[in-house]
């Protein structure tokens, strides 16, 4: 097996993976609940960068924190659902979404030739 050919064969696949990682890192998803009373922003690295609670929602809760907690959970789940729809929820789904529409022959052909196939 020619290791140099194998590494060269990985080039297109590595480029595709780097592009996907950049896209994911630059993305953001806005989730909401209660008709927009609570909003969250989920970054592509799965961190929450912003939580907004409308003053009317805070006042309507009348000190009942569980109402606001429930709305925050719904808003976070809304943003996560958007993330999963775009990038997939598991490593397998993420790879399938990444490779859908890709010319696998051009990505994997050099790799397979490097393995002597």
PDB file of N, CA and C in Angstrom:
ATOM      1  N   UNK A   1       0.855  -1.185   0.000  1.00  0.00           N
ATOM      2  CA  UNK A   1       0.000   0.000   0.000  1.00  0.00           C
ATOM      3  C   UNK A   1       0.892   1.237   0.000  1.00  0.00           C
ATOM      4  N   UNK A   2       0.581   2.182  -0.862  1.00  0.00           N
ATOM      5  CA  UNK A   2       1.328   3.427  -0.977  1.00  0.00           C
ATOM      6  C   UNK A   2       0.700   4.453  -0.033  1.00  0.00           C
ATOM      7  N   UNK A   3       1.380   4.696   1.081  1.00  0.00           N
ATOM      8  CA  UNK A   3       0.843   5.598   2.101  1.00  0.00           C
ATOM      9  C   UNK A   3       0.712   7.030   1.577  1.00  0.00           C
ATOM     10  N   UNK A   4       1.652   7.477   0.751  1.00  0.00           N
ATOM     11  CA  UNK A   4       1.557   8.826   0.182  1.00  0.00           C
ATOM     12  C   UNK A   4       0.316   8.969  -0.692  1.00  0.00           C
ATOM     13  N   UNK A   5       0.048   7.955  -1.512  1.00  0.00           N
ATOM     14  CA  UNK A   5      -1.149   7.995  -2.361  1.00  0.00           C
ATOM     15  C   UNK A   5      -2.408   7.990  -1.502  1.00  0.00           C
ATOM     16  N   UNK A   6      -2.377   7.226  -0.435  1.00  0.00           N
ATOM     17  CA  UNK A   6      -3.519   7.181   0.478  1.00  0.00           C
ATOM     18  C   UNK A   6      -3.772   8.553   1.090  1.00  0.00           C
ATOM     19  N   UNK A   7      -2.727   9.219   1.551  1.00  0.00           N
ATOM     20  CA  UNK A   7      -2.888  10.542   2.163  1.00  0.00           C
ATOM     21  C   UNK A   7      -3.351  11.571   1.134  1.00  0.00           C
ATOM     22  N   UNK A   8      -2.827  11.495  -0.088  1.00  0.00           N
ATOM     23  CA  UNK A   8      -3.288  12.406  -1.149  1.00  0.00           C
ATOM     24  C   UNK A   8      -4.761  12.146  -1.461  1.00  0.00           C
ATOM     25  N   UNK A   9      -5.155  10.899  -1.411  1.00  0.00           N
ATOM     26  CA  UNK A   9      -6.541  10.530  -1.670  1.00  0.00           C
ATOM     27  C   UNK A   9      -7.507  11.079  -0.642  1.00  0.00           C
ATOM     28  N   UNK A  10      -7.011  11.327   0.548  1.00  0.00           N
ATOM     29  CA  UNK A  10      -7.871  11.885   1.599  1.00  0.00           C
ATOM     30  C   UNK A  10      -8.101  13.381   1.432  1.00  0.00           C
ATOM     31  N   UNK A  11      -7.325  14.034   0.585  1.00  0.00           N
ATOM     32  CA  UNK A  11      -7.421  15.490   0.412  1.00  0.00           C
ATOM     33  C   UNK A  11      -8.825  15.986   0.140  1.00  0.00           C
ATOM     34  N   UNK A  12      -9.511  15.483  -0.901  1.00  0.00           N
ATOM     35  CA  UNK A  12     -10.864  15.985  -1.180  1.00  0.00           C
ATOM     36  C   UNK A  12     -11.837  15.731  -0.024  1.00  0.00           C
ATOM     37  N   UNK A  13     -11.710  14.587   0.623  1.00  0.00           N
ATOM     38  CA  UNK A  13     -12.579  14.283   1.753  1.00  0.00           C
ATOM     39  C   UNK A  13     -12.294  15.221   2.922  1.00  0.00           C
ATOM     40  N   UNK A  14     -11.013  15.467   3.187  1.00  0.00           N
ATOM     41  CA  UNK A  14     -10.654  16.394   4.266  1.00  0.00           C
ATOM     42  C   UNK A  14     -11.154  17.798   3.969  1.00  0.00           C
ATOM     43  N   UNK A  15     -11.063  18.214   2.712  1.00  0.00           N
ATOM     44  CA  UNK A  15     -11.567  19.540   2.337  1.00  0.00           C
ATOM     45  C   UNK A  15     -13.063  19.648   2.587  1.00  0.00           C
ATOM     46  N   UNK A  16     -13.800  18.603   2.236  1.00  0.00           N
ATOM     47  CA  UNK A  16     -15.245  18.583   2.455  1.00  0.00           C
ATOM     48  C   UNK A  16     -15.556  18.658   3.947  1.00  0.00           C
ATOM     49  N   UNK A  17     -14.819  17.911   4.748  1.00  0.00           N
ATOM     50  CA  UNK A  17     -15.041  17.925   6.197  1.00  0.00           C
ATOM     51  C   UNK A  17     -14.714  19.286   6.803  1.00  0.00           C
ATOM     52  N   UNK A  18     -13.644  19.920   6.356  1.00  0.00           N
ATOM     53  CA  UNK A  18     -13.277  21.249   6.869  1.00  0.00           C
ATOM     54  C   UNK A  18     -14.334  22.280   6.502  1.00  0.00           C
ATOM     55  N   UNK A  19     -14.836  22.203   5.273  1.00  0.00           N
ATOM     56  CA  UNK A  19     -15.874  23.133   4.835  1.00  0.00           C
ATOM     57  C   UNK A  19     -17.135  22.970   5.690  1.00  0.00           C
ATOM     58  N   UNK A  20     -17.506  21.725   5.944  1.00  0.00           N
ATOM     59  CA  UNK A  20     -18.695  21.460   6.764  1.00  0.00           C
ATOM     60  C   UNK A  20     -18.500  21.971   8.187  1.00  0.00           C
ATOM     61  N   UNK A  21     -17.320  21.793   8.741  1.00  0.00           N
ATOM     62  CA  UNK A  21     -17.051  22.265  10.101  1.00  0.00           C
ATOM     63  C   UNK A  21     -17.105  23.791  10.164  1.00  0.00           C
ATOM     64  N   UNK A  22     -16.592  24.455   9.151  1.00  0.00           N
ATOM     65  CA  UNK A  22     -16.667  25.920   9.100  1.00  0.00           C
ATOM     66  C   UNK A  22     -18.113  26.392   9.012  1.00  0.00           C
ATOM     67  N   UNK A  23     -18.900  25.702   8.186  1.00  0.00           N
ATOM     68  CA  UNK A  23     -20.318  26.059   8.051  1.00  0.00           C
ATOM     69  C   UNK A  23     -21.041  25.885   9.385  1.00  0.00           C
ATOM     70  N   UNK A  24     -20.766  24.774  10.060  1.00  0.00           N
ATOM     71  CA  UNK A  24     -21.410  24.511  11.342  1.00  0.00           C
ATOM     72  C   UNK A  24     -21.003  25.567  12.371  1.00  0.00           C
ATOM     73  N   UNK A  25     -19.723  25.898  12.414  1.00  0.00           N
ATOM     74  CA  UNK A  25     -19.234  26.877  13.391  1.00  0.00           C
ATOM     75  C   UNK A  25     -19.842  28.259  13.163  1.00  0.00           C
ATOM     76  N   UNK A  26     -20.117  28.596  11.909  1.00  0.00           N
ATOM     77  CA  UNK A  26     -20.654  29.921  11.587  1.00  0.00           C
ATOM     78  C   UNK A  26     -22.174  29.999  11.710  1.00  0.00           C
ATOM     79  N   UNK A  27     -22.823  28.885  11.959  1.00  0.00           N
ATOM     80  CA  UNK A  27     -24.285  28.886  11.975  1.00  0.00           C
ATOM     81  C   UNK A  27     -24.840  29.230  13.354  1.00  0.00           C
ATOM     82  N   UNK A  28     -26.080  29.691  13.345  1.00  0.00           N
ATOM     83  CA  UNK A  28     -26.803  29.986  14.580  1.00  0.00           C
ATOM     84  C   UNK A  28     -28.276  29.680  14.338  1.00  0.00           C
ATOM     85  N   UNK A  29     -28.953  29.252  15.384  1.00  0.00           N
ATOM     86  CA  UNK A  29     -30.353  28.869  15.291  1.00  0.00           C
ATOM     87  C   UNK A  29     -31.125  29.575  16.385  1.00  0.00           C
ATOM     88  N   UNK A  30     -32.226  30.202  16.006  1.00  0.00           N
ATOM     89  CA  UNK A  30     -33.053  30.931  16.957  1.00  0.00           C
ATOM     90  C   UNK A  30     -34.286  30.105  17.288  1.00  0.00           C
ATOM     91  N   UNK A  31     -34.392  29.727  18.552  1.00  0.00           N
ATOM     92  CA  UNK A  31     -35.558  28.999  19.027  1.00  0.00           C
ATOM     93  C   UNK A  31     -36.442  29.932  19.830  1.00  0.00           C
ATOM     94  N   UNK A  32     -37.729  29.629  19.853  1.00  0.00           N
ATOM     95  CA  UNK A  32     -38.638  30.477  20.627  1.00  0.00           C
ATOM     96  C   UNK A  32     -39.749  29.641  21.230  1.00  0.00           C
ATOM     97  N   UNK A  33     -40.407  30.226  22.202  1.00  0.00           N
ATOM     98  CA  UNK A  33     -41.534  29.581  22.876  1.00  0.00           C
ATOM     99  C   UNK A  33     -42.477  30.666  23.368  1.00  0.00           C
ATOM    100  N   UNK A  34     -43.709  30.256  23.610  1.00  0.00           N
ATOM    101  CA  UNK A  34     -44.700  31.205  24.133  1.00  0.00           C
ATOM    102  C   UNK A  34     -44.966  32.345  23.178  1.00  0.00           C
ATOM    103  N   UNK A  35     -45.016  32.035  21.888  1.00  0.00           N
ATOM    104  CA  UNK A  35     -45.288  33.093  20.909  1.00  0.00           C
ATOM    105  C   UNK A  35     -44.183  34.133  20.852  1.00  0.00           C
ATOM    106  N   UNK A  36     -42.968  33.735  21.144  1.00  0.00           N
ATOM    107  CA  UNK A  36     -41.827  34.659  21.119  1.00  0.00           C
ATOM    108  C   UNK A  36     -41.545  35.295  22.463  1.00  0.00           C
ATOM    109  N   UNK A  37     -42.261  34.871  23.502  1.00  0.00           N
ATOM    110  CA  UNK A  37     -42.019  35.434  24.835  1.00  0.00           C
ATOM    111  C   UNK A  37     -40.630  35.070  25.351  1.00  0.00           C
ATOM    112  N   UNK A  38     -40.142  33.897  24.942  1.00  0.00           N
ATOM    113  CA  UNK A  38     -38.789  33.468  25.293  1.00  0.00           C
ATOM    114  C   UNK A  38     -38.082  33.086  24.001  1.00  0.00           C
ATOM    115  N   UNK A  39     -36.874  33.612  23.835  1.00  0.00           N
ATOM    116  CA  UNK A  39     -36.071  33.312  22.653  1.00  0.00           C
ATOM    117  C   UNK A  39     -34.672  32.911  23.100  1.00  0.00           C
ATOM    118  N   UNK A  40     -34.100  31.961  22.378  1.00  0.00           N
ATOM    119  CA  UNK A  40     -32.716  31.565  22.633  1.00  0.00           C
ATOM    120  C   UNK A  40     -31.970  31.518  21.303  1.00  0.00           C
ATOM    121  N   UNK A  41     -30.683  31.725  21.363  1.00  0.00           N
ATOM    122  CA  UNK A  41     -29.824  31.581  20.185  1.00  0.00           C
ATOM    123  C   UNK A  41     -28.823  30.472  20.472  1.00  0.00           C
ATOM    124  N   UNK A  42     -28.862  29.453  19.626  1.00  0.00           N
ATOM    125  CA  UNK A  42     -27.966  28.308  19.717  1.00  0.00           C
ATOM    126  C   UNK A  42     -26.903  28.449  18.646  1.00  0.00           C
ATOM    127  N   UNK A  43     -25.650  28.451  19.042  1.00  0.00           N
ATOM    128  CA  UNK A  43     -24.542  28.531  18.099  1.00  0.00           C
ATOM    129  C   UNK A  43     -24.258  27.145  17.524  1.00  0.00           C
ATOM    130  N   UNK A  44     -23.577  27.101  16.412  1.00  0.00           N
ATOM    131  CA  UNK A  44     -23.262  25.852  15.748  1.00  0.00           C
ATOM    132  C   UNK A  44     -22.405  24.912  16.560  1.00  0.00           C
ATOM    133  N   UNK A  45     -21.712  25.432  17.574  1.00  0.00           N
ATOM    134  CA  UNK A  45     -20.913  24.574  18.455  1.00  0.00           C
ATOM    135  C   UNK A  45     -21.741  24.064  19.637  1.00  0.00           C
ATOM    136  N   UNK A  46     -23.054  24.225  19.526  1.00  0.00           N
ATOM    137  CA  UNK A  46     -24.029  23.770  20.529  1.00  0.00           C
ATOM    138  C   UNK A  46     -23.928  24.498  21.863  1.00  0.00           C
ATOM    139  N   UNK A  47     -23.552  25.764  21.808  1.00  0.00           N
ATOM    140  CA  UNK A  47     -23.593  26.592  23.002  1.00  0.00           C
ATOM    141  C   UNK A  47     -24.714  27.619  22.843  1.00  0.00           C
ATOM    142  N   UNK A  48     -25.327  27.980  23.940  1.00  0.00           N
ATOM    143  CA  UNK A  48     -26.375  29.003  23.938  1.00  0.00           C
ATOM    144  C   UNK A  48     -25.689  30.350  24.132  1.00  0.00           C
ATOM    145  N   UNK A  49     -25.871  31.250  23.180  1.00  0.00           N
ATOM    146  CA  UNK A  49     -25.203  32.549  23.271  1.00  0.00           C
ATOM    147  C   UNK A  49     -26.134  33.658  23.760  1.00  0.00           C
ATOM    148  N   UNK A  50     -27.439  33.402  23.736  1.00  0.00           N
ATOM    149  CA  UNK A  50     -28.363  34.458  24.149  1.00  0.00           C
ATOM    150  C   UNK A  50     -29.680  33.848  24.598  1.00  0.00           C
ATOM    151  N   UNK A  51     -30.228  34.414  25.655  1.00  0.00           N
ATOM    152  CA  UNK A  51     -31.571  34.076  26.125  1.00  0.00           C
ATOM    153  C   UNK A  51     -32.303  35.399  26.342  1.00  0.00           C
ATOM    154  N   UNK A  52     -33.472  35.529  25.732  1.00  0.00           N
ATOM    155  CA  UNK A  52     -34.287  36.736  25.905  1.00  0.00           C
ATOM    156  C   UNK A  52     -35.639  36.338  26.480  1.00  0.00           C
ATOM    157  N   UNK A  53     -36.036  37.032  27.539  1.00  0.00           N
ATOM    158  CA  UNK A  53     -37.348  36.804  28.149  1.00  0.00           C
ATOM    159  C   UNK A  53     -38.090  38.133  28.123  1.00  0.00           C
ATOM    160  N   UNK A  54     -39.221  38.142  27.447  1.00  0.00           N
ATOM    161  CA  UNK A  54     -40.014  39.362  27.341  1.00  0.00           C
ATOM    162  C   UNK A  54     -40.486  39.784  28.734  1.00  0.00           C
ATOM    163  N   UNK A  55     -40.430  41.064  29.033  1.00  0.00           N
ATOM    164  CA  UNK A  55     -40.896  41.533  30.346  1.00  0.00           C
ATOM    165  C   UNK A  55     -42.331  41.089  30.653  1.00  0.00           C
ATOM    166  N   UNK A  56     -43.180  41.039  29.627  1.00  0.00           N
ATOM    167  CA  UNK A  56     -44.565  40.613  29.846  1.00  0.00           C
ATOM    168  C   UNK A  56     -44.616  39.159  30.307  1.00  0.00           C
ATOM    169  N   UNK A  57     -43.715  38.319  29.785  1.00  0.00           N
ATOM    170  CA  UNK A  57     -43.677  36.913  30.193  1.00  0.00           C
ATOM    171  C   UNK A  57     -43.206  36.798  31.635  1.00  0.00           C
ATOM    172  N   UNK A  58     -42.212  37.589  31.993  1.00  0.00           N
ATOM    173  CA  UNK A  58     -41.718  37.578  33.369  1.00  0.00           C
ATOM    174  C   UNK A  58     -42.815  38.045  34.325  1.00  0.00           C
ATOM    175  N   UNK A  59     -43.543  39.072  33.922  1.00  0.00           N
ATOM    176  CA  UNK A  59     -44.616  39.588  34.777  1.00  0.00           C
ATOM    177  C   UNK A  59     -45.755  38.580  34.874  1.00  0.00           C
ATOM    178  N   UNK A  60     -46.080  37.924  33.759  1.00  0.00           N
ATOM    179  CA  UNK A  60     -47.183  36.961  33.747  1.00  0.00           C
ATOM    180  C   UNK A  60     -46.884  35.740  34.608  1.00  0.00           C
ATOM    181  N   UNK A  61     -45.607  35.439  34.794  1.00  0.00           N
ATOM    182  CA  UNK A  61     -45.260  34.266  35.601  1.00  0.00           C
ATOM    183  C   UNK A  61     -45.535  34.504  37.083  1.00  0.00           C
ATOM    184  N   UNK A  62     -45.681  35.746  37.486  1.00  0.00           N
ATOM    185  CA  UNK A  62     -46.001  36.134  38.870  1.00  0.00           C
ATOM    186  C   UNK A  62     -45.141  35.382  39.882  1.00  0.00           C
ATOM    187  N   UNK A  63     -43.843  35.346  39.600  1.00  0.00           N
ATOM    188  CA  UNK A  63     -42.918  34.712  40.531  1.00  0.00           C
ATOM    189  C   UNK A  63     -42.843  33.203  40.413  1.00  0.00           C
ATOM    190  N   UNK A  64     -43.598  32.613  39.488  1.00  0.00           N
ATOM    191  CA  UNK A  64     -43.560  31.167  39.287  1.00  0.00           C
ATOM    192  C   UNK A  64     -42.442  30.851  38.301  1.00  0.00           C
ATOM    193  N   UNK A  65     -41.267  30.565  38.810  1.00  0.00           N
ATOM    194  CA  UNK A  65     -40.094  30.321  37.975  1.00  0.00           C
ATOM    195  C   UNK A  65     -40.297  29.120  37.056  1.00  0.00           C
ATOM    196  N   UNK A  66     -41.112  28.154  37.457  1.00  0.00           N
ATOM    197  CA  UNK A  66     -41.283  26.950  36.643  1.00  0.00           C
ATOM    198  C   UNK A  66     -41.891  27.279  35.276  1.00  0.00           C
ATOM    199  N   UNK A  67     -42.726  28.309  35.201  1.00  0.00           N
ATOM    200  CA  UNK A  67     -43.303  28.710  33.915  1.00  0.00           C
ATOM    201  C   UNK A  67     -42.200  29.186  32.968  1.00  0.00           C
ATOM    202  N   UNK A  68     -41.330  30.046  33.467  1.00  0.00           N
ATOM    203  CA  UNK A  68     -40.224  30.553  32.646  1.00  0.00           C
ATOM    204  C   UNK A  68     -39.263  29.423  32.304  1.00  0.00           C
ATOM    205  N   UNK A  69     -38.990  28.551  33.251  1.00  0.00           N
ATOM    206  CA  UNK A  69     -38.098  27.414  32.998  1.00  0.00           C
ATOM    207  C   UNK A  69     -38.639  26.535  31.880  1.00  0.00           C
ATOM    208  N   UNK A  70     -39.937  26.289  31.900  1.00  0.00           N
ATOM    209  CA  UNK A  70     -40.553  25.472  30.852  1.00  0.00           C
ATOM    210  C   UNK A  70     -40.435  26.145  29.484  1.00  0.00           C
ATOM    211  N   UNK A  71     -40.661  27.445  29.453  1.00  0.00           N
ATOM    212  CA  UNK A  71     -40.565  28.175  28.189  1.00  0.00           C
ATOM    213  C   UNK A  71     -39.127  28.166  27.653  1.00  0.00           C
ATOM    214  N   UNK A  72     -38.146  28.300  28.538  1.00  0.00           N
ATOM    215  CA  UNK A  72     -36.745  28.255  28.112  1.00  0.00           C
ATOM    216  C   UNK A  72     -36.428  26.873  27.543  1.00  0.00           C
ATOM    217  N   UNK A  73     -36.886  25.826  28.210  1.00  0.00           N
ATOM    218  CA  UNK A  73     -36.640  24.461  27.721  1.00  0.00           C
ATOM    219  C   UNK A  73     -37.259  24.261  26.339  1.00  0.00           C
ATOM    220  N   UNK A  74     -38.463  24.749  26.130  1.00  0.00           N
ATOM    221  CA  UNK A  74     -39.125  24.611  24.829  1.00  0.00           C
ATOM    222  C   UNK A  74     -38.349  25.381  23.757  1.00  0.00           C
ATOM    223  N   UNK A  75     -37.892  26.581  24.090  1.00  0.00           N
ATOM    224  CA  UNK A  75     -37.140  27.393  23.126  1.00  0.00           C
ATOM    225  C   UNK A  75     -35.804  26.727  22.765  1.00  0.00           C
ATOM    226  N   UNK A  76     -35.109  26.171  23.750  1.00  0.00           N
ATOM    227  CA  UNK A  76     -33.849  25.470  23.486  1.00  0.00           C
ATOM    228  C   UNK A  76     -34.113  24.251  22.601  1.00  0.00           C
ATOM    229  N   UNK A  77     -35.158  23.506  22.914  1.00  0.00           N
ATOM    230  CA  UNK A  77     -35.492  22.328  22.096  1.00  0.00           C
ATOM    231  C   UNK A  77     -35.869  22.721  20.673  1.00  0.00           C
ATOM    232  N   UNK A  78     -36.513  23.864  20.515  1.00  0.00           N
ATOM    233  CA  UNK A  78     -36.846  24.363  19.184  1.00  0.00           C
ATOM    234  C   UNK A  78     -35.562  24.626  18.385  1.00  0.00           C
ATOM    235  N   UNK A  79     -34.599  25.282  19.004  1.00  0.00           N
ATOM    236  CA  UNK A  79     -33.332  25.567  18.326  1.00  0.00           C
ATOM    237  C   UNK A  79     -32.567  24.276  18.025  1.00  0.00           C
ATOM    238  N   UNK A  80     -32.571  23.339  18.959  1.00  0.00           N
ATOM    239  CA  UNK A  80     -31.891  22.058  18.730  1.00  0.00           C
ATOM    240  C   UNK A  80     -32.538  21.279  17.585  1.00  0.00           C
ATOM    241  N   UNK A  81     -33.851  21.341  17.485  1.00  0.00           N
ATOM    242  CA  UNK A  81     -34.553  20.658  16.399  1.00  0.00           C
ATOM    243  C   UNK A  81     -34.107  21.232  15.051  1.00  0.00           C
ATOM    244  N   UNK A  82     -33.932  22.536  14.984  1.00  0.00           N
ATOM    245  CA  UNK A  82     -33.462  23.168  13.754  1.00  0.00           C
ATOM    246  C   UNK A  82     -32.037  22.716  13.421  1.00  0.00           C
ATOM    247  N   UNK A  83     -31.182  22.641  14.444  1.00  0.00           N
ATOM    248  CA  UNK A  83     -29.806  22.187  14.254  1.00  0.00           C
ATOM    249  C   UNK A  83     -29.790  20.759  13.704  1.00  0.00           C
ATOM    250  N   UNK A  84     -30.577  19.892  14.326  1.00  0.00           N
ATOM    251  CA  UNK A  84     -30.622  18.484  13.910  1.00  0.00           C
ATOM    252  C   UNK A  84     -31.148  18.354  12.483  1.00  0.00           C
ATOM    253  N   UNK A  85     -32.154  19.161  12.144  1.00  0.00           N
ATOM    254  CA  UNK A  85     -32.690  19.110  10.776  1.00  0.00           C
ATOM    255  C   UNK A  85     -31.621  19.506   9.760  1.00  0.00           C
ATOM    256  N   UNK A  86     -30.767  20.421  10.129  1.00  0.00           N
ATOM    257  CA  UNK A  86     -29.742  20.889   9.186  1.00  0.00           C
ATOM    258  C   UNK A  86     -28.506  20.002   9.154  1.00  0.00           C
ATOM    259  N   UNK A  87     -28.026  19.580  10.336  1.00  0.00           N
ATOM    260  CA  UNK A  87     -26.750  18.878  10.400  1.00  0.00           C
ATOM    261  C   UNK A  87     -26.856  17.411  10.803  1.00  0.00           C
ATOM    262  N   UNK A  88     -27.990  16.981  11.323  1.00  0.00           N
ATOM    263  CA  UNK A  88     -28.132  15.606  11.793  1.00  0.00           C
ATOM    264  C   UNK A  88     -27.948  15.523  13.295  1.00  0.00           C
ATOM    265  N   UNK A  89     -28.516  14.478  13.878  1.00  0.00           N
ATOM    266  CA  UNK A  89     -28.487  14.341  15.327  1.00  0.00           C
ATOM    267  C   UNK A  89     -27.438  13.377  15.847  1.00  0.00           C
ATOM    268  N   UNK A  90     -26.902  12.544  14.969  1.00  0.00           N
ATOM    269  CA  UNK A  90     -25.878  11.588  15.373  1.00  0.00           C
ATOM    270  C   UNK A  90     -24.717  11.697  14.392  1.00  0.00           C
ATOM    271  N   UNK A  91     -23.554  11.179  14.751  1.00  0.00           N
ATOM    272  CA  UNK A  91     -22.436  11.212  13.796  1.00  0.00           C
ATOM    273  C   UNK A  91     -22.793  10.566  12.455  1.00  0.00           C
ATOM    274  N   UNK A  92     -23.553   9.473  12.485  1.00  0.00           N
ATOM    275  CA  UNK A  92     -23.959   8.822  11.239  1.00  0.00           C
ATOM    276  C   UNK A  92     -24.842   9.739  10.399  1.00  0.00           C
ATOM    277  N   UNK A  93     -25.829  10.371  11.039  1.00  0.00           N
ATOM    278  CA  UNK A  93     -26.709  11.288  10.309  1.00  0.00           C
ATOM    279  C   UNK A  93     -25.925  12.476   9.774  1.00  0.00           C
ATOM    280  N   UNK A  94     -24.991  12.975  10.577  1.00  0.00           N
ATOM    281  CA  UNK A  94     -24.187  14.114  10.132  1.00  0.00           C
ATOM    282  C   UNK A  94     -23.375  13.748   8.896  1.00  0.00           C
ATOM    283  N   UNK A  95     -22.801  12.568   8.879  1.00  0.00           N
ATOM    284  CA  UNK A  95     -22.017  12.135   7.722  1.00  0.00           C
ATOM    285  C   UNK A  95     -22.920  11.942   6.504  1.00  0.00           C
ATOM    286  N   UNK A  96     -24.120  11.383   6.711  1.00  0.00           N
ATOM    287  CA  UNK A  96     -25.053  11.207   5.599  1.00  0.00           C
ATOM    288  C   UNK A  96     -25.442  12.551   5.005  1.00  0.00           C
ATOM    289  N   UNK A  97     -25.747  13.528   5.862  1.00  0.00           N
ATOM    290  CA  UNK A  97     -26.125  14.848   5.365  1.00  0.00           C
ATOM    291  C   UNK A  97     -24.948  15.516   4.661  1.00  0.00           C
ATOM    292  N   UNK A  98     -23.762  15.324   5.198  1.00  0.00           N
ATOM    293  CA  UNK A  98     -22.572  15.909   4.605  1.00  0.00           C
ATOM    294  C   UNK A  98     -22.307  15.331   3.223  1.00  0.00           C
ATOM    295  N   UNK A  99     -22.490  14.045   3.089  1.00  0.00           N
ATOM    296  CA  UNK A  99     -22.166  13.372   1.829  1.00  0.00           C
ATOM    297  C   UNK A  99     -23.305  13.382   0.826  1.00  0.00           C
ATOM    298  N   UNK A 100     -24.523  13.729   1.246  1.00  0.00           N
ATOM    299  CA  UNK A 100     -25.620  13.761   0.277  1.00  0.00           C
ATOM    300  C   UNK A 100     -25.338  14.856  -0.745  1.00  0.00           C
ATOM    301  N   UNK A 101     -25.447  14.490  -1.974  1.00  0.00           N
ATOM    302  CA  UNK A 101     -25.174  15.450  -3.035  1.00  0.00           C
ATOM    303  C   UNK A 101     -23.710  15.524  -3.415  1.00  0.00           C
ATOM    304  N   UNK A 102     -22.831  14.862  -2.658  1.00  0.00           N
ATOM    305  CA  UNK A 102     -21.412  14.852  -2.999  1.00  0.00           C
ATOM    306  C   UNK A 102     -21.141  13.737  -3.993  1.00  0.00           C
ATOM    307  N   UNK A 103     -20.147  13.952  -4.797  1.00  0.00           N
ATOM    308  CA  UNK A 103     -19.713  12.914  -5.725  1.00  0.00           C
ATOM    309  C   UNK A 103     -18.752  12.008  -4.962  1.00  0.00           C
ATOM    310  N   UNK A 104     -19.297  10.936  -4.383  1.00  0.00           N
ATOM    311  CA  UNK A 104     -18.482  10.048  -3.563  1.00  0.00           C
ATOM    312  C   UNK A 104     -17.365   9.399  -4.363  1.00  0.00           C
ATOM    313  N   UNK A 105     -17.594   9.184  -5.648  1.00  0.00           N
ATOM    314  CA  UNK A 105     -16.546   8.605  -6.476  1.00  0.00           C
ATOM    315  C   UNK A 105     -15.315   9.487  -6.513  1.00  0.00           C
ATOM    316  N   UNK A 106     -15.531  10.802  -6.644  1.00  0.00           N
ATOM    317  CA  UNK A 106     -14.378  11.701  -6.694  1.00  0.00           C
ATOM    318  C   UNK A 106     -13.743  11.852  -5.324  1.00  0.00           C
ATOM    319  N   UNK A 107     -14.539  11.744  -4.271  1.00  0.00           N
ATOM    320  CA  UNK A 107     -13.982  11.848  -2.924  1.00  0.00           C
ATOM    321  C   UNK A 107     -13.248  10.583  -2.502  1.00  0.00           C
ATOM    322  N   UNK A 108     -13.845   9.433  -2.822  1.00  0.00           N
ATOM    323  CA  UNK A 108     -13.299   8.169  -2.340  1.00  0.00           C
ATOM    324  C   UNK A 108     -12.429   7.453  -3.367  1.00  0.00           C
ATOM    325  N   UNK A 109     -12.560   7.801  -4.659  1.00  0.00           N
ATOM    326  CA  UNK A 109     -11.790   7.121  -5.692  1.00  0.00           C
ATOM    327  C   UNK A 109     -10.297   7.114  -5.434  1.00  0.00           C
ATOM    328  N   UNK A 110      -9.681   8.287  -5.201  1.00  0.00           N
ATOM    329  CA  UNK A 110      -8.248   8.303  -4.936  1.00  0.00           C
ATOM    330  C   UNK A 110      -7.899   7.505  -3.679  1.00  0.00           C
ATOM    331  N   UNK A 111      -8.761   7.554  -2.705  1.00  0.00           N
ATOM    332  CA  UNK A 111      -8.517   6.815  -1.477  1.00  0.00           C
ATOM    333  C   UNK A 111      -8.506   5.302  -1.765  1.00  0.00           C
ATOM    334  N   UNK A 112      -9.482   4.861  -2.533  1.00  0.00           N
ATOM    335  CA  UNK A 112      -9.567   3.439  -2.835  1.00  0.00           C
ATOM    336  C   UNK A 112      -8.379   2.999  -3.708  1.00  0.00           C
ATOM    337  N   UNK A 113      -7.948   3.859  -4.637  1.00  0.00           N
ATOM    338  CA  UNK A 113      -6.783   3.528  -5.447  1.00  0.00           C
ATOM    339  C   UNK A 113      -5.541   3.419  -4.563  1.00  0.00           C
ATOM    340  N   UNK A 114      -5.488   4.261  -3.521  1.00  0.00           N
ATOM    341  CA  UNK A 114      -4.365   4.220  -2.587  1.00  0.00           C
ATOM    342  C   UNK A 114      -4.332   2.914  -1.807  1.00  0.00           C
ATOM    343  N   UNK A 115      -5.487   2.285  -1.683  1.00  0.00           N
ATOM    344  CA  UNK A 115      -5.555   0.998  -0.987  1.00  0.00           C
ATOM    345  C   UNK A 115      -5.325  -0.163  -1.940  1.00  0.00           C
ATOM    346  N   UNK A 116      -5.077   0.166  -3.218  1.00  0.00           N
ATOM    347  CA  UNK A 116      -4.799  -0.885  -4.189  1.00  0.00           C
ATOM    348  C   UNK A 116      -6.026  -1.505  -4.817  1.00  0.00           C
ATOM    349  N   UNK A 117      -7.169  -0.806  -4.772  1.00  0.00           N
ATOM    350  CA  UNK A 117      -8.404  -1.346  -5.344  1.00  0.00           C
ATOM    351  C   UNK A 117      -8.703  -0.703  -6.657  1.00  0.00           C
TER     352      UNK A 117
END
